[in-house]
Amino acid sequence: MKASIALLESFSLVKSTTHDSFTIHSVVHTWARERLQITQKEKIIKKLLPVLNRVMSQENINRESPEWNSTEERRLLVHLNISVNF
């Protein structure tokens, strides 16, 4: 797996963010999403909805609270925006 990620990284298609996480270049992400069939999109949306529901059901955390995680918020908003455009 690490070798695969390293190869994709060498072409600037992905970027490692931590030892077990990476981000996909937005153009690659859009291209891959556009190639999906409607049934594949439906499967992804079915998996995404419970995750978004869990996040939205959490108690509101004040942004000035030490519990607030700005990185996690940005990651979730990106996925929410993508799901809206599916």
N, C-alpha and C. Protein backbone atom coordinates (compact mmCIF):
# COMPACT_ATOMS: atom_id res chain seq x y z
N MET A 1 0.83 -1.19 0.00
CA MET A 1 0.00 0.00 0.00
C MET A 1 0.87 1.26 0.00
N LYS A 2 1.91 1.27 0.84
CA LYS A 2 2.77 2.45 0.90
C LYS A 2 3.45 2.72 -0.43
N ALA A 3 3.84 1.66 -1.12
CA ALA A 3 4.49 1.83 -2.43
C ALA A 3 3.51 2.42 -3.44
N SER A 4 2.26 2.01 -3.38
CA SER A 4 1.23 2.54 -4.29
C SER A 4 1.01 4.02 -4.04
N ILE A 5 0.90 4.39 -2.76
CA ILE A 5 0.70 5.79 -2.40
C ILE A 5 1.92 6.61 -2.83
N ALA A 6 3.11 6.06 -2.62
CA ALA A 6 4.35 6.76 -3.00
C ALA A 6 4.38 7.00 -4.51
N LEU A 7 3.94 6.03 -5.29
CA LEU A 7 3.91 6.19 -6.75
C LEU A 7 2.93 7.30 -7.14
N LEU A 8 1.73 7.28 -6.57
CA LEU A 8 0.75 8.32 -6.87
C LEU A 8 1.25 9.69 -6.42
N GLU A 9 1.95 9.71 -5.29
CA GLU A 9 2.52 10.96 -4.78
C GLU A 9 3.59 11.50 -5.72
N SER A 10 4.36 10.61 -6.34
CA SER A 10 5.42 11.06 -7.24
C SER A 10 4.85 11.78 -8.46
N PHE A 11 3.59 11.50 -8.80
CA PHE A 11 2.92 12.18 -9.91
C PHE A 11 2.02 13.31 -9.41
N SER A 12 2.11 13.64 -8.13
CA SER A 12 1.29 14.70 -7.50
C SER A 12 -0.20 14.43 -7.61
N LEU A 13 -0.58 13.16 -7.62
CA LEU A 13 -2.00 12.80 -7.67
C LEU A 13 -2.59 12.70 -6.27
N VAL A 14 -1.76 12.38 -5.29
CA VAL A 14 -2.17 12.33 -3.89
C VAL A 14 -1.08 12.99 -3.06
N LYS A 15 -1.43 13.31 -1.82
CA LYS A 15 -0.47 13.90 -0.89
C LYS A 15 -0.66 13.23 0.47
N SER A 16 0.41 12.69 1.02
CA SER A 16 0.34 12.09 2.35
C SER A 16 0.14 13.19 3.37
N THR A 17 -0.80 12.95 4.30
CA THR A 17 -1.04 13.93 5.35
C THR A 17 -0.54 13.43 6.70
N THR A 18 -0.63 12.13 6.92
CA THR A 18 -0.08 11.47 8.11
C THR A 18 0.40 10.11 7.68
N HIS A 19 0.87 9.33 8.63
CA HIS A 19 1.38 8.00 8.27
C HIS A 19 0.28 7.07 7.77
N ASP A 20 -1.00 7.36 8.07
CA ASP A 20 -2.08 6.47 7.64
C ASP A 20 -3.19 7.20 6.87
N SER A 21 -2.88 8.38 6.35
CA SER A 21 -3.90 9.16 5.67
C SER A 21 -3.29 9.92 4.49
N PHE A 22 -4.14 10.19 3.51
CA PHE A 22 -3.68 10.97 2.36
C PHE A 22 -4.87 11.72 1.78
N THR A 23 -4.58 12.73 0.98
CA THR A 23 -5.61 13.46 0.27
C THR A 23 -5.42 13.24 -1.22
N ILE A 24 -6.51 13.30 -1.95
CA ILE A 24 -6.48 13.12 -3.39
C ILE A 24 -6.58 14.49 -4.04
N HIS A 25 -5.79 14.74 -5.06
CA HIS A 25 -5.84 16.01 -5.78
C HIS A 25 -7.28 16.25 -6.25
N SER A 26 -7.76 17.46 -6.12
CA SER A 26 -9.17 17.76 -6.43
C SER A 26 -9.54 17.44 -7.88
N VAL A 27 -8.63 17.63 -8.81
CA VAL A 27 -8.92 17.31 -10.21
C VAL A 27 -9.08 15.80 -10.39
N VAL A 28 -8.22 15.03 -9.75
CA VAL A 28 -8.32 13.57 -9.82
C VAL A 28 -9.62 13.11 -9.17
N HIS A 29 -9.94 13.71 -8.03
CA HIS A 29 -11.17 13.36 -7.32
C HIS A 29 -12.39 13.63 -8.20
N THR A 30 -12.44 14.79 -8.83
CA THR A 30 -13.56 15.14 -9.71
C THR A 30 -13.63 14.20 -10.90
N TRP A 31 -12.50 13.92 -11.51
CA TRP A 31 -12.47 13.02 -12.66
C TRP A 31 -13.00 11.64 -12.29
N ALA A 32 -12.54 11.11 -11.17
CA ALA A 32 -12.97 9.78 -10.73
C ALA A 32 -14.47 9.77 -10.42
N ARG A 33 -14.94 10.82 -9.78
CA ARG A 33 -16.35 10.90 -9.43
C ARG A 33 -17.23 10.97 -10.68
N GLU A 34 -16.79 11.70 -11.68
CA GLU A 34 -17.57 11.85 -12.91
C GLU A 34 -17.66 10.55 -13.70
N ARG A 35 -16.72 9.67 -13.50
CA ARG A 35 -16.71 8.40 -14.23
C ARG A 35 -17.62 7.34 -13.62
N LEU A 36 -18.12 7.60 -12.42
CA LEU A 36 -18.97 6.62 -11.73
C LEU A 36 -20.32 6.48 -12.41
N GLN A 37 -20.83 5.27 -12.40
CA GLN A 37 -22.19 5.01 -12.86
C GLN A 37 -23.15 5.44 -11.76
N ILE A 38 -24.40 5.66 -12.09
CA ILE A 38 -25.39 6.12 -11.10
C ILE A 38 -25.52 5.13 -9.93
N THR A 39 -25.44 3.83 -10.22
CA THR A 39 -25.56 2.85 -9.13
C THR A 39 -24.36 2.94 -8.17
N GLN A 40 -23.19 3.24 -8.69
CA GLN A 40 -22.02 3.42 -7.84
C GLN A 40 -22.16 4.68 -7.00
N LYS A 41 -22.70 5.75 -7.59
CA LYS A 41 -22.92 6.98 -6.85
C LYS A 41 -23.92 6.75 -5.72
N GLU A 42 -24.96 5.99 -6.00
CA GLU A 42 -25.97 5.69 -4.98
C GLU A 42 -25.36 4.94 -3.81
N LYS A 43 -24.48 3.99 -4.08
CA LYS A 43 -23.82 3.23 -3.01
C LYS A 43 -22.98 4.16 -2.13
N ILE A 44 -22.27 5.08 -2.76
CA ILE A 44 -21.44 6.02 -2.00
C ILE A 44 -22.31 6.92 -1.14
N ILE A 45 -23.39 7.41 -1.70
CA ILE A 45 -24.29 8.28 -0.94
C ILE A 45 -24.89 7.54 0.24
N LYS A 46 -25.25 6.27 0.06
CA LYS A 46 -25.80 5.47 1.16
C LYS A 46 -24.78 5.31 2.29
N LYS A 47 -23.51 5.22 1.95
CA LYS A 47 -22.48 5.13 2.98
C LYS A 47 -22.20 6.49 3.62
N LEU A 48 -22.35 7.55 2.85
CA LEU A 48 -22.06 8.90 3.32
C LEU A 48 -23.13 9.43 4.28
N LEU A 49 -24.38 9.13 4.03
CA LEU A 49 -25.46 9.69 4.83
C LEU A 49 -25.36 9.37 6.32
N PRO A 50 -25.09 8.13 6.73
CA PRO A 50 -24.95 7.88 8.18
C PRO A 50 -23.79 8.65 8.81
N VAL A 51 -22.72 8.85 8.08
CA VAL A 51 -21.58 9.61 8.60
C VAL A 51 -21.98 11.07 8.82
N LEU A 52 -22.62 11.65 7.83
CA LEU A 52 -23.06 13.04 7.96
C LEU A 52 -24.11 13.18 9.06
N ASN A 53 -24.99 12.22 9.18
CA ASN A 53 -26.01 12.25 10.24
C ASN A 53 -25.35 12.22 11.61
N ARG A 54 -24.34 11.37 11.77
CA ARG A 54 -23.64 11.27 13.05
C ARG A 54 -22.99 12.59 13.41
N VAL A 55 -22.37 13.23 12.43
CA VAL A 55 -21.70 14.51 12.68
C VAL A 55 -22.72 15.59 13.00
N MET A 56 -23.79 15.65 12.25
CA MET A 56 -24.78 16.69 12.48
C MET A 56 -25.57 16.48 13.76
N SER A 57 -25.60 15.25 14.26
CA SER A 57 -26.33 14.95 15.49
C SER A 57 -25.52 15.24 16.75
N GLN A 58 -24.25 15.49 16.60
CA GLN A 58 -23.41 15.78 17.75
C GLN A 58 -23.80 17.13 18.35
N GLU A 59 -23.55 17.24 19.65
CA GLU A 59 -23.79 18.53 20.30
C GLU A 59 -22.92 19.58 19.65
N ASN A 60 -23.45 20.77 19.58
CA ASN A 60 -22.66 21.88 19.03
C ASN A 60 -21.47 22.16 19.95
N ILE A 61 -20.33 22.31 19.35
CA ILE A 61 -19.13 22.65 20.09
C ILE A 61 -18.72 24.05 19.64
N ASN A 62 -18.56 24.92 20.59
CA ASN A 62 -18.14 26.28 20.30
C ASN A 62 -16.77 26.26 19.65
N ARG A 63 -16.57 27.03 18.62
CA ARG A 63 -15.29 27.05 17.91
C ARG A 63 -14.14 27.50 18.79
N GLU A 64 -14.43 28.16 19.86
CA GLU A 64 -13.37 28.60 20.77
C GLU A 64 -13.07 27.55 21.84
N SER A 65 -13.82 26.47 21.82
CA SER A 65 -13.61 25.38 22.77
C SER A 65 -12.38 24.56 22.36
N PRO A 66 -11.63 24.03 23.34
CA PRO A 66 -10.49 23.17 22.99
C PRO A 66 -10.92 21.86 22.32
N GLU A 67 -12.21 21.52 22.42
CA GLU A 67 -12.72 20.29 21.80
C GLU A 67 -12.96 20.44 20.30
N TRP A 68 -13.03 21.68 19.84
CA TRP A 68 -13.33 21.93 18.44
C TRP A 68 -12.13 21.57 17.57
N ASN A 69 -12.36 20.85 16.49
CA ASN A 69 -11.31 20.39 15.60
C ASN A 69 -11.53 21.01 14.22
N SER A 70 -10.80 22.07 13.91
CA SER A 70 -11.00 22.77 12.64
C SER A 70 -10.64 21.90 11.44
N THR A 71 -9.63 21.08 11.58
CA THR A 71 -9.24 20.20 10.47
C THR A 71 -10.35 19.22 10.14
N GLU A 72 -10.94 18.63 11.16
CA GLU A 72 -12.04 17.69 10.95
C GLU A 72 -13.24 18.39 10.33
N GLU A 73 -13.51 19.60 10.77
CA GLU A 73 -14.63 20.35 10.21
C GLU A 73 -14.41 20.60 8.71
N ARG A 74 -13.22 21.02 8.34
CA ARG A 74 -12.92 21.26 6.93
C ARG A 74 -13.07 19.98 6.11
N ARG A 75 -12.58 18.88 6.65
CA ARG A 75 -12.68 17.60 5.92
C ARG A 75 -14.14 17.22 5.69
N LEU A 76 -14.96 17.39 6.72
CA LEU A 76 -16.37 17.04 6.59
C LEU A 76 -17.10 17.97 5.62
N LEU A 77 -16.77 19.25 5.67
CA LEU A 77 -17.42 20.19 4.75
C LEU A 77 -17.07 19.89 3.30
N VAL A 78 -15.85 19.49 3.05
CA VAL A 78 -15.47 19.11 1.69
C VAL A 78 -16.32 17.93 1.21
N HIS A 79 -16.47 16.93 2.06
CA HIS A 79 -17.28 15.76 1.68
C HIS A 79 -18.75 16.12 1.53
N LEU A 80 -19.23 17.00 2.36
CA LEU A 80 -20.62 17.45 2.25
C LEU A 80 -20.82 18.18 0.93
N ASN A 81 -19.91 19.08 0.58
CA ASN A 81 -20.02 19.81 -0.69
C ASN A 81 -19.96 18.87 -1.88
N ILE A 82 -19.11 17.87 -1.80
CA ILE A 82 -19.01 16.90 -2.89
C ILE A 82 -20.30 16.11 -3.03
N SER A 83 -20.88 15.70 -1.90
CA SER A 83 -22.11 14.91 -1.96
C SER A 83 -23.27 15.72 -2.53
N VAL A 84 -23.29 17.01 -2.29
CA VAL A 84 -24.33 17.87 -2.84
C VAL A 84 -24.21 17.92 -4.36
N ASN A 85 -22.99 17.87 -4.87
CA ASN A 85 -22.77 17.94 -6.32
C ASN A 85 -22.84 16.59 -7.03
N PHE A 86 -23.08 15.53 -6.31
CA PHE A 86 -23.20 14.21 -6.93
C PHE A 86 -24.35 14.21 -7.85
